[in-house]
C-alpha cells in the first residue's frame, strides 16, 4: 500500500500516475495526517467497478434462490444459450 501526503499530488503527479498504471495499485492520499482520497488508474477503477457489479448480481441471484424463486439447471441454461446464439429466442 502506497500512502502519500496531499502535497504529493501537486509535486509528484507524474510519479503517482506512473505508479498507479505500472503497479496496477491505488495510492492513498492523506491530508493533515488523516486518510482523504484514493487515486487509481482508469483501468483499475473500471475493473473494480465491474467486479463490484458482478458481486451485486451474484448476491441478487443468491437471494432469489434462498427466497425460493425458480432456478434453472445446467441443461436449461445450455439450451437457452444455444437458442440465443442461434437467434431462436
N, C-alpha and C. Protein backbone atom coordinates (compact mmCIF):
# COMPACT_ATOMS: atom_id res chain seq x y z
N UNK A 1 0.85 -1.17 0.00
CA UNK A 1 0.00 0.00 0.00
C UNK A 1 0.90 1.23 0.00
N UNK A 2 0.63 2.12 -0.93
CA UNK A 2 1.43 3.35 -1.03
C UNK A 2 0.58 4.50 -0.48
N UNK A 3 1.16 5.24 0.44
CA UNK A 3 0.49 6.38 1.07
C UNK A 3 1.32 7.62 0.83
N UNK A 4 0.65 8.68 0.41
CA UNK A 4 1.35 9.94 0.11
C UNK A 4 0.56 11.09 0.73
N UNK A 5 1.25 12.17 1.10
CA UNK A 5 0.54 13.36 1.57
C UNK A 5 -0.10 14.10 0.40
N UNK A 6 -1.09 14.92 0.68
CA UNK A 6 -1.81 15.62 -0.37
C UNK A 6 -0.89 16.51 -1.22
N UNK A 7 0.17 17.03 -0.64
CA UNK A 7 1.09 17.87 -1.42
C UNK A 7 1.76 17.07 -2.54
N UNK A 8 1.83 15.75 -2.38
CA UNK A 8 2.46 14.92 -3.40
C UNK A 8 1.65 14.94 -4.70
N UNK A 9 0.36 15.16 -4.62
CA UNK A 9 -0.45 15.25 -5.85
C UNK A 9 0.04 16.38 -6.74
N UNK A 10 0.36 17.46 -6.13
CA UNK A 10 0.84 18.63 -6.88
C UNK A 10 2.30 18.44 -7.31
N UNK A 11 3.12 17.96 -6.39
CA UNK A 11 4.56 17.89 -6.65
C UNK A 11 5.03 16.62 -7.36
N UNK A 12 4.26 15.53 -7.23
CA UNK A 12 4.71 14.24 -7.77
C UNK A 12 3.63 13.58 -8.64
N UNK A 13 2.80 14.39 -9.28
CA UNK A 13 1.67 13.84 -10.03
C UNK A 13 2.11 12.78 -11.04
N UNK A 14 3.12 13.07 -11.84
CA UNK A 14 3.56 12.11 -12.87
C UNK A 14 4.05 10.80 -12.27
N UNK A 15 4.76 10.88 -11.14
CA UNK A 15 5.24 9.67 -10.47
C UNK A 15 4.07 8.85 -9.93
N UNK A 16 3.10 9.53 -9.33
CA UNK A 16 1.93 8.84 -8.78
C UNK A 16 1.14 8.19 -9.91
N UNK A 17 0.94 8.92 -11.00
CA UNK A 17 0.22 8.39 -12.16
C UNK A 17 0.93 7.15 -12.72
N UNK A 18 2.23 7.23 -12.87
CA UNK A 18 3.00 6.10 -13.38
C UNK A 18 2.91 4.90 -12.45
N UNK A 19 3.03 5.15 -11.16
CA UNK A 19 2.94 4.06 -10.18
C UNK A 19 1.59 3.35 -10.28
N UNK A 20 0.51 4.13 -10.32
CA UNK A 20 -0.83 3.54 -10.39
C UNK A 20 -0.99 2.67 -11.63
N UNK A 21 -0.47 3.13 -12.75
CA UNK A 21 -0.60 2.39 -14.01
C UNK A 21 0.33 1.18 -14.07
N UNK A 22 1.59 1.37 -13.68
CA UNK A 22 2.58 0.29 -13.79
C UNK A 22 2.38 -0.79 -12.74
N UNK A 23 2.07 -0.40 -11.52
CA UNK A 23 1.90 -1.36 -10.43
C UNK A 23 0.46 -1.86 -10.32
N UNK A 24 -0.44 -1.21 -11.06
CA UNK A 24 -1.86 -1.55 -11.03
C UNK A 24 -2.40 -1.54 -9.60
N UNK A 25 -2.02 -0.48 -8.89
CA UNK A 25 -2.41 -0.32 -7.49
C UNK A 25 -2.84 1.12 -7.24
N UNK A 26 -3.73 1.34 -6.29
CA UNK A 26 -4.10 2.71 -5.93
C UNK A 26 -3.07 3.33 -5.00
N UNK A 27 -3.14 4.64 -4.90
CA UNK A 27 -2.31 5.39 -3.94
C UNK A 27 -3.26 6.10 -2.99
N UNK A 28 -3.01 5.96 -1.70
CA UNK A 28 -3.83 6.59 -0.68
C UNK A 28 -3.23 7.95 -0.34
N UNK A 29 -4.07 8.98 -0.36
CA UNK A 29 -3.62 10.35 -0.12
C UNK A 29 -4.12 10.80 1.25
N UNK A 30 -3.21 11.38 2.02
CA UNK A 30 -3.58 11.88 3.34
C UNK A 30 -3.62 13.41 3.32
N UNK A 31 -4.39 13.95 4.24
CA UNK A 31 -4.45 15.40 4.44
C UNK A 31 -4.40 15.63 5.95
N UNK A 32 -3.42 16.37 6.36
CA UNK A 32 -3.20 16.60 7.80
C UNK A 32 -3.09 15.29 8.58
N UNK A 33 -2.44 14.30 7.96
CA UNK A 33 -2.19 13.03 8.64
C UNK A 33 -3.36 12.06 8.64
N UNK A 34 -4.46 12.44 8.05
CA UNK A 34 -5.65 11.59 8.01
C UNK A 34 -5.93 11.15 6.57
N UNK A 35 -6.51 9.96 6.40
CA UNK A 35 -6.89 9.50 5.08
C UNK A 35 -7.88 10.46 4.43
N UNK A 36 -7.68 10.76 3.14
CA UNK A 36 -8.54 11.73 2.47
C UNK A 36 -9.04 11.24 1.12
N UNK A 37 -8.16 10.71 0.27
CA UNK A 37 -8.52 10.30 -1.08
C UNK A 37 -7.80 9.01 -1.46
N UNK A 38 -8.31 8.39 -2.52
CA UNK A 38 -7.62 7.27 -3.15
C UNK A 38 -7.50 7.61 -4.62
N UNK A 39 -6.30 7.50 -5.17
CA UNK A 39 -6.05 7.78 -6.58
C UNK A 39 -5.71 6.46 -7.25
N UNK A 40 -6.36 6.20 -8.40
CA UNK A 40 -6.10 4.95 -9.13
C UNK A 40 -6.22 5.19 -10.62
N UNK A 41 -5.66 4.27 -11.39
CA UNK A 41 -5.75 4.39 -12.85
C UNK A 41 -7.19 4.12 -13.29
N UNK A 42 -7.53 4.59 -14.47
CA UNK A 42 -8.86 4.35 -15.03
C UNK A 42 -9.08 2.85 -15.23
N UNK A 43 -8.06 2.13 -15.69
CA UNK A 43 -8.19 0.68 -15.89
C UNK A 43 -8.50 -0.03 -14.58
N UNK A 44 -7.79 0.33 -13.53
CA UNK A 44 -8.01 -0.27 -12.22
C UNK A 44 -9.43 0.04 -11.74
N UNK A 45 -9.84 1.29 -11.88
CA UNK A 45 -11.18 1.70 -11.47
C UNK A 45 -12.25 0.94 -12.24
N UNK A 46 -12.08 0.81 -13.55
CA UNK A 46 -13.07 0.12 -14.39
C UNK A 46 -13.20 -1.34 -13.98
N UNK A 47 -12.06 -2.03 -13.78
CA UNK A 47 -12.11 -3.44 -13.34
C UNK A 47 -12.77 -3.56 -11.99
N UNK A 48 -12.46 -2.64 -11.09
CA UNK A 48 -13.05 -2.68 -9.75
C UNK A 48 -14.57 -2.51 -9.82
N UNK A 49 -15.03 -1.58 -10.64
CA UNK A 49 -16.47 -1.36 -10.79
C UNK A 49 -17.14 -2.59 -11.40
N UNK A 50 -16.50 -3.22 -12.38
CA UNK A 50 -17.05 -4.43 -12.99
C UNK A 50 -17.15 -5.55 -11.97
N UNK A 51 -16.13 -5.70 -11.13
CA UNK A 51 -16.14 -6.73 -10.09
C UNK A 51 -17.26 -6.48 -9.09
N UNK A 52 -17.43 -5.23 -8.69
CA UNK A 52 -18.49 -4.89 -7.74
C UNK A 52 -19.87 -5.14 -8.35
N UNK A 53 -20.02 -4.83 -9.63
CA UNK A 53 -21.28 -5.06 -10.32
C UNK A 53 -21.58 -6.56 -10.38
N UNK A 54 -20.57 -7.36 -10.70
CA UNK A 54 -20.75 -8.81 -10.76
C UNK A 54 -21.12 -9.36 -9.38
N UNK A 55 -20.44 -8.90 -8.35
CA UNK A 55 -20.76 -9.36 -7.00
C UNK A 55 -22.20 -9.02 -6.62
N UNK A 56 -22.65 -7.84 -7.01
CA UNK A 56 -24.02 -7.43 -6.73
C UNK A 56 -25.02 -8.35 -7.43
N UNK A 57 -24.73 -8.68 -8.69
CA UNK A 57 -25.61 -9.58 -9.45
C UNK A 57 -25.62 -10.98 -8.85
N UNK A 58 -24.45 -11.47 -8.44
CA UNK A 58 -24.38 -12.79 -7.81
C UNK A 58 -25.14 -12.82 -6.49
N UNK A 59 -25.01 -11.76 -5.70
CA UNK A 59 -25.73 -11.68 -4.44
C UNK A 59 -27.24 -11.65 -4.68
N UNK A 60 -27.66 -10.90 -5.69
CA UNK A 60 -29.08 -10.83 -6.03
C UNK A 60 -29.60 -12.21 -6.44
N UNK A 61 -28.83 -12.94 -7.25
CA UNK A 61 -29.23 -14.28 -7.67
C UNK A 61 -29.29 -15.24 -6.48
N UNK A 62 -28.34 -15.13 -5.59
CA UNK A 62 -28.34 -15.97 -4.39
C UNK A 62 -29.55 -15.69 -3.52
N UNK A 63 -29.88 -14.42 -3.36
CA UNK A 63 -31.05 -14.05 -2.55
C UNK A 63 -32.34 -14.57 -3.18
N UNK A 64 -32.43 -14.54 -4.51
CA UNK A 64 -33.61 -15.09 -5.19
C UNK A 64 -33.71 -16.59 -4.95
N UNK A 65 -32.57 -17.28 -5.02
CA UNK A 65 -32.57 -18.72 -4.79
C UNK A 65 -32.98 -19.05 -3.37
N UNK A 66 -32.43 -18.30 -2.41
CA UNK A 66 -32.75 -18.53 -1.00
C UNK A 66 -34.24 -18.30 -0.73
N UNK A 67 -34.82 -17.31 -1.44
CA UNK A 67 -36.23 -16.99 -1.21
C UNK A 67 -37.18 -17.96 -1.90
N UNK A 68 -36.61 -18.94 -2.62
CA UNK A 68 -37.44 -19.97 -3.24
C UNK A 68 -37.83 -19.70 -4.68
N UNK A 69 -37.29 -18.66 -5.27
CA UNK A 69 -37.60 -18.37 -6.66
C UNK A 69 -37.06 -19.48 -7.55
N UNK A 70 -37.78 -19.78 -8.64
CA UNK A 70 -37.40 -20.85 -9.55
C UNK A 70 -36.01 -20.59 -10.14
N UNK A 71 -35.20 -21.64 -10.20
CA UNK A 71 -33.88 -21.55 -10.81
C UNK A 71 -33.80 -22.50 -11.99
N UNK A 72 -32.77 -22.38 -12.78
CA UNK A 72 -32.57 -23.24 -13.95
C UNK A 72 -31.42 -24.20 -13.68
N UNK A 73 -31.56 -25.43 -14.20
CA UNK A 73 -30.43 -26.35 -14.10
C UNK A 73 -29.50 -26.11 -15.29
N UNK A 74 -28.38 -26.79 -15.30
CA UNK A 74 -27.36 -26.57 -16.33
C UNK A 74 -27.89 -26.86 -17.73
N UNK A 75 -28.71 -27.89 -17.88
CA UNK A 75 -29.26 -28.24 -19.20
C UNK A 75 -30.16 -27.12 -19.72
N UNK A 76 -30.96 -26.53 -18.84
CA UNK A 76 -31.83 -25.42 -19.25
C UNK A 76 -31.01 -24.20 -19.67
N UNK A 77 -29.99 -23.91 -18.92
CA UNK A 77 -29.12 -22.78 -19.26
C UNK A 77 -28.44 -23.03 -20.60
N UNK A 78 -27.93 -24.23 -20.80
CA UNK A 78 -27.28 -24.59 -22.05
C UNK A 78 -28.25 -24.42 -23.23
N UNK A 79 -29.47 -24.88 -23.06
CA UNK A 79 -30.48 -24.76 -24.12
C UNK A 79 -30.80 -23.29 -24.42
N UNK A 80 -30.92 -22.48 -23.39
CA UNK A 80 -31.20 -21.06 -23.58
C UNK A 80 -30.05 -20.36 -24.31
N UNK A 81 -28.81 -20.67 -23.91
CA UNK A 81 -27.65 -20.05 -24.56
C UNK A 81 -27.56 -20.45 -26.03
N UNK A 82 -27.80 -21.72 -26.33
CA UNK A 82 -27.77 -22.16 -27.72
C UNK A 82 -28.85 -21.44 -28.52
N UNK A 83 -30.02 -21.24 -27.91
CA UNK A 83 -31.09 -20.52 -28.58
C UNK A 83 -30.71 -19.06 -28.85
N UNK A 84 -30.05 -18.45 -27.89
CA UNK A 84 -29.59 -17.06 -28.09
C UNK A 84 -28.55 -16.97 -29.20
N UNK A 85 -27.63 -17.92 -29.20
CA UNK A 85 -26.57 -17.91 -30.22
C UNK A 85 -27.16 -18.15 -31.61
N UNK A 86 -28.11 -19.06 -31.69
CA UNK A 86 -28.73 -19.39 -32.98
C UNK A 86 -29.81 -18.40 -33.40
N UNK A 87 -30.16 -17.49 -32.50
CA UNK A 87 -31.19 -16.49 -32.80
C UNK A 87 -32.60 -17.02 -32.69
N UNK A 88 -32.80 -18.08 -31.93
CA UNK A 88 -34.12 -18.68 -31.77
C UNK A 88 -34.91 -18.12 -30.61
N UNK A 89 -34.29 -17.30 -29.78
CA UNK A 89 -35.01 -16.76 -28.62
C UNK A 89 -35.21 -15.27 -28.75
